[in-house]
Amino acid sequence: MKLKPLADRVVIKQVEAEEVTKGGVILPNQAKEKPQEAEVLAVGPGGVVEGKEITMYVKAGDRVIYSKYAGTELKVDGEEVIIVRQNDILAIVEQ
C-alpha cells in the first residue's frame, strides 16, 4: 500500500534508536528512548489549510526532528509509520 498524504501532512518513519551509549553500555530494548528523528517517506501538496497558505519545506528522503507526541502512528505493510503535520516537524537534519 502506498500512502499519499493530504494538505500539510507528512508521512515519516522513525530512525532506529542507538543500541550502544557513548560510554559503550549496550541498551536493552526497554531502556531505549523513543527517537524523535525520522525519515520523510511522503509529503502532501500543501496549499490553503485553515485559511492560510502552506508551503511545504520538507521532501521525501529528508531526515527530520519532530515533536515528541506528534502525529498518528499506524502500520502499513508491516512497517510502522507516523503521519504528522508539517508544523510538528521542528528541524531538518543536514549531514
N, C-alpha and C. Protein backbone atom coordinates (compact mmCIF):
# COMPACT_ATOMS: atom_id res chain seq x y z
N MET A 1 0.85 -1.17 0.00
CA MET A 1 0.00 0.00 0.00
C MET A 1 0.89 1.24 0.00
N LYS A 2 0.51 2.23 -0.76
CA LYS A 2 1.27 3.48 -0.82
C LYS A 2 0.40 4.59 -0.24
N LEU A 3 0.96 5.39 0.65
CA LEU A 3 0.23 6.50 1.25
C LEU A 3 0.54 7.80 0.53
N LYS A 4 -0.51 8.58 0.26
CA LYS A 4 -0.36 9.91 -0.33
C LYS A 4 -1.00 10.89 0.65
N PRO A 5 -0.18 11.59 1.44
CA PRO A 5 -0.75 12.49 2.45
C PRO A 5 -1.46 13.69 1.81
N LEU A 6 -2.44 14.21 2.51
CA LEU A 6 -3.21 15.35 2.06
C LEU A 6 -2.75 16.63 2.75
N ALA A 7 -3.00 17.75 2.11
CA ALA A 7 -2.74 19.09 2.65
C ALA A 7 -1.33 19.21 3.20
N ASP A 8 -1.19 19.58 4.48
CA ASP A 8 0.13 19.83 5.07
C ASP A 8 0.65 18.64 5.87
N ARG A 9 0.20 17.44 5.54
CA ARG A 9 0.62 16.26 6.29
C ARG A 9 1.85 15.61 5.65
N VAL A 10 2.63 14.93 6.51
CA VAL A 10 3.88 14.30 6.09
C VAL A 10 3.91 12.89 6.69
N VAL A 11 4.29 11.89 5.90
CA VAL A 11 4.45 10.52 6.39
C VAL A 11 5.92 10.32 6.71
N ILE A 12 6.22 9.92 7.96
CA ILE A 12 7.60 9.72 8.38
C ILE A 12 7.78 8.33 8.99
N LYS A 13 9.01 7.87 8.99
CA LYS A 13 9.36 6.59 9.62
C LYS A 13 10.50 6.86 10.59
N GLN A 14 10.32 6.43 11.84
CA GLN A 14 11.34 6.66 12.85
C GLN A 14 12.65 5.98 12.50
N VAL A 15 13.74 6.65 12.85
CA VAL A 15 15.08 6.09 12.72
C VAL A 15 15.33 5.26 13.98
N GLU A 16 15.96 4.12 13.84
CA GLU A 16 16.22 3.24 14.99
C GLU A 16 17.05 3.96 16.05
N ALA A 17 16.74 3.68 17.32
CA ALA A 17 17.47 4.26 18.45
C ALA A 17 18.84 3.61 18.56
N GLU A 18 19.77 4.36 19.13
CA GLU A 18 21.13 3.84 19.36
C GLU A 18 21.06 2.65 20.31
N GLU A 19 21.82 1.62 20.02
CA GLU A 19 21.86 0.44 20.89
C GLU A 19 23.00 0.50 21.88
N VAL A 20 24.00 1.34 21.61
CA VAL A 20 25.16 1.47 22.50
C VAL A 20 25.33 2.94 22.83
N THR A 21 25.50 3.24 24.13
CA THR A 21 25.70 4.62 24.54
C THR A 21 27.11 5.07 24.18
N LYS A 22 27.39 6.37 24.32
CA LYS A 22 28.73 6.88 24.05
C LYS A 22 29.76 6.27 24.97
N GLY A 23 29.33 5.86 26.16
CA GLY A 23 30.23 5.22 27.12
C GLY A 23 30.43 3.74 26.86
N GLY A 24 29.73 3.18 25.84
CA GLY A 24 29.92 1.78 25.49
C GLY A 24 28.93 0.82 26.13
N VAL A 25 27.92 1.34 26.85
CA VAL A 25 26.93 0.49 27.50
C VAL A 25 25.89 0.05 26.47
N ILE A 26 25.62 -1.24 26.38
CA ILE A 26 24.62 -1.76 25.44
C ILE A 26 23.26 -1.67 26.11
N LEU A 27 22.29 -1.06 25.42
CA LEU A 27 20.96 -0.85 25.98
C LEU A 27 19.99 -1.94 25.52
N PRO A 28 19.22 -2.51 26.46
CA PRO A 28 18.16 -3.43 26.05
C PRO A 28 17.02 -2.63 25.42
N ASN A 29 16.13 -3.30 24.69
CA ASN A 29 15.03 -2.62 24.00
C ASN A 29 14.18 -1.77 24.94
N GLN A 30 13.94 -2.23 26.18
CA GLN A 30 13.08 -1.49 27.10
C GLN A 30 13.72 -0.18 27.54
N ALA A 31 15.05 -0.09 27.55
CA ALA A 31 15.73 1.11 28.04
C ALA A 31 15.94 2.15 26.96
N LYS A 32 15.71 1.78 25.72
CA LYS A 32 15.93 2.73 24.63
C LYS A 32 14.87 3.82 24.65
N GLU A 33 15.32 5.05 24.52
CA GLU A 33 14.38 6.16 24.44
C GLU A 33 13.82 6.23 23.02
N LYS A 34 12.54 6.51 22.91
CA LYS A 34 11.90 6.61 21.61
C LYS A 34 12.56 7.76 20.83
N PRO A 35 13.12 7.48 19.67
CA PRO A 35 13.81 8.54 18.94
C PRO A 35 12.83 9.57 18.38
N GLN A 36 13.30 10.79 18.24
CA GLN A 36 12.49 11.84 17.65
C GLN A 36 13.02 12.20 16.27
N GLU A 37 13.91 11.37 15.76
CA GLU A 37 14.45 11.58 14.42
C GLU A 37 13.78 10.59 13.48
N ALA A 38 13.44 11.06 12.29
CA ALA A 38 12.72 10.21 11.34
C ALA A 38 13.12 10.56 9.91
N GLU A 39 12.79 9.64 9.01
CA GLU A 39 12.99 9.88 7.58
C GLU A 39 11.64 10.18 6.95
N VAL A 40 11.59 11.17 6.10
CA VAL A 40 10.35 11.55 5.40
C VAL A 40 10.12 10.57 4.26
N LEU A 41 8.95 9.93 4.23
CA LEU A 41 8.60 8.99 3.18
C LEU A 41 7.73 9.63 2.10
N ALA A 42 6.80 10.51 2.50
CA ALA A 42 5.90 11.15 1.55
C ALA A 42 5.45 12.50 2.12
N VAL A 43 5.17 13.44 1.22
CA VAL A 43 4.79 14.81 1.62
C VAL A 43 3.52 15.21 0.88
N GLY A 44 2.59 15.85 1.60
CA GLY A 44 1.38 16.36 0.98
C GLY A 44 1.68 17.57 0.12
N PRO A 45 0.70 18.04 -0.64
CA PRO A 45 0.93 19.15 -1.57
C PRO A 45 0.94 20.53 -0.94
N GLY A 46 0.55 20.66 0.33
CA GLY A 46 0.45 21.99 0.94
C GLY A 46 -0.84 22.65 0.51
N GLY A 47 -0.79 23.94 0.16
CA GLY A 47 -1.98 24.65 -0.27
C GLY A 47 -2.59 25.45 0.86
N VAL A 48 -3.87 25.73 0.76
CA VAL A 48 -4.56 26.52 1.78
C VAL A 48 -5.11 25.58 2.85
N VAL A 49 -4.65 25.77 4.08
CA VAL A 49 -5.10 24.97 5.22
C VAL A 49 -5.58 25.93 6.30
N GLU A 50 -6.85 25.78 6.68
CA GLU A 50 -7.47 26.65 7.69
C GLU A 50 -7.28 28.13 7.35
N GLY A 51 -7.43 28.47 6.07
CA GLY A 51 -7.37 29.86 5.63
C GLY A 51 -5.96 30.42 5.45
N LYS A 52 -4.92 29.60 5.65
CA LYS A 52 -3.55 30.07 5.49
C LYS A 52 -2.86 29.29 4.38
N GLU A 53 -2.06 29.98 3.59
CA GLU A 53 -1.29 29.33 2.52
C GLU A 53 -0.11 28.59 3.16
N ILE A 54 -0.01 27.30 2.89
CA ILE A 54 1.05 26.48 3.46
C ILE A 54 2.01 26.06 2.34
N THR A 55 3.28 26.39 2.51
CA THR A 55 4.33 25.95 1.60
C THR A 55 5.06 24.79 2.28
N MET A 56 5.25 23.70 1.56
CA MET A 56 5.93 22.54 2.13
C MET A 56 7.44 22.72 2.03
N TYR A 57 8.12 22.58 3.15
CA TYR A 57 9.57 22.78 3.22
C TYR A 57 10.35 21.48 3.27
N VAL A 58 9.67 20.36 3.54
CA VAL A 58 10.35 19.07 3.58
C VAL A 58 10.03 18.29 2.31
N LYS A 59 10.89 17.32 2.01
CA LYS A 59 10.68 16.47 0.83
C LYS A 59 11.01 15.04 1.21
N ALA A 60 10.54 14.10 0.42
CA ALA A 60 10.83 12.69 0.66
C ALA A 60 12.34 12.49 0.69
N GLY A 61 12.79 11.71 1.67
CA GLY A 61 14.22 11.44 1.82
C GLY A 61 14.89 12.30 2.87
N ASP A 62 14.27 13.42 3.27
CA ASP A 62 14.85 14.27 4.32
C ASP A 62 14.84 13.53 5.65
N ARG A 63 15.83 13.82 6.49
CA ARG A 63 15.83 13.36 7.88
C ARG A 63 15.38 14.55 8.72
N VAL A 64 14.44 14.32 9.62
CA VAL A 64 13.85 15.42 10.39
C VAL A 64 13.78 15.08 11.87
N ILE A 65 13.66 16.12 12.68
CA ILE A 65 13.37 16.00 14.11
C ILE A 65 11.93 16.48 14.28
N TYR A 66 11.11 15.69 14.99
CA TYR A 66 9.70 16.05 15.15
C TYR A 66 9.32 16.08 16.63
N SER A 67 8.20 16.72 16.93
CA SER A 67 7.70 16.83 18.31
C SER A 67 7.47 15.46 18.91
N LYS A 68 7.74 15.33 20.18
CA LYS A 68 7.73 14.05 20.87
C LYS A 68 6.38 13.32 20.79
N TYR A 69 5.28 14.00 20.96
CA TYR A 69 3.98 13.34 20.99
C TYR A 69 3.13 13.66 19.76
N ALA A 70 3.78 14.00 18.67
CA ALA A 70 3.06 14.42 17.45
C ALA A 70 2.61 13.23 16.62
N GLY A 71 1.55 13.45 15.87
CA GLY A 71 1.16 12.52 14.82
C GLY A 71 0.31 11.34 15.20
N THR A 72 0.00 10.57 14.18
CA THR A 72 -0.81 9.36 14.30
C THR A 72 0.03 8.19 13.82
N GLU A 73 0.23 7.22 14.70
CA GLU A 73 1.02 6.04 14.34
C GLU A 73 0.13 4.99 13.70
N LEU A 74 0.64 4.34 12.64
CA LEU A 74 -0.09 3.25 12.03
C LEU A 74 0.88 2.30 11.35
N LYS A 75 0.38 1.09 11.06
CA LYS A 75 1.19 0.09 10.38
C LYS A 75 0.74 -0.02 8.94
N VAL A 76 1.71 0.04 8.01
CA VAL A 76 1.44 -0.08 6.59
C VAL A 76 2.37 -1.16 6.06
N ASP A 77 1.80 -2.24 5.56
CA ASP A 77 2.60 -3.36 5.05
C ASP A 77 3.64 -3.83 6.06
N GLY A 78 3.26 -3.91 7.34
CA GLY A 78 4.15 -4.40 8.39
C GLY A 78 5.16 -3.38 8.88
N GLU A 79 5.16 -2.17 8.34
CA GLU A 79 6.08 -1.12 8.74
C GLU A 79 5.35 -0.06 9.54
N GLU A 80 5.94 0.36 10.65
CA GLU A 80 5.31 1.41 11.45
C GLU A 80 5.70 2.77 10.91
N VAL A 81 4.69 3.59 10.60
CA VAL A 81 4.90 4.95 10.12
C VAL A 81 4.08 5.91 10.96
N ILE A 82 4.41 7.19 10.86
CA ILE A 82 3.69 8.23 11.60
C ILE A 82 3.28 9.30 10.60
N ILE A 83 2.04 9.76 10.70
CA ILE A 83 1.57 10.87 9.88
C ILE A 83 1.49 12.10 10.78
N VAL A 84 2.26 13.13 10.42
CA VAL A 84 2.31 14.36 11.21
C VAL A 84 1.99 15.55 10.31
N ARG A 85 1.65 16.66 10.92
CA ARG A 85 1.51 17.91 10.18
C ARG A 85 2.90 18.52 10.05
N GLN A 86 3.11 19.29 9.00
CA GLN A 86 4.43 19.89 8.80
C GLN A 86 4.85 20.74 10.00
N ASN A 87 3.89 21.42 10.66
CA ASN A 87 4.27 22.27 11.80
C ASN A 87 4.68 21.47 13.03
N ASP A 88 4.53 20.12 13.02
CA ASP A 88 5.04 19.27 14.09
C ASP A 88 6.50 18.89 13.84
N ILE A 89 7.03 19.20 12.66
CA ILE A 89 8.43 18.94 12.34
C ILE A 89 9.23 20.17 12.80
N LEU A 90 10.21 19.91 13.65
CA LEU A 90 10.97 21.00 14.26
C LEU A 90 12.18 21.42 13.45
N ALA A 91 12.82 20.46 12.76
CA ALA A 91 14.04 20.77 12.03
C ALA A 91 14.34 19.70 10.99
N ILE A 92 15.09 20.10 9.98
CA ILE A 92 15.63 19.16 9.00
C ILE A 92 17.08 18.90 9.39
N VAL A 93 17.49 17.65 9.47
CA VAL A 93 18.85 17.29 9.83
C VAL A 93 19.70 17.32 8.57
N GLU A 94 20.70 18.17 8.55
CA GLU A 94 21.62 18.25 7.41
C GLU A 94 22.88 17.50 7.76
N GLN A 95 23.36 16.68 6.83
CA GLN A 95 24.54 15.87 7.12
C GLN A 95 25.70 16.25 6.26
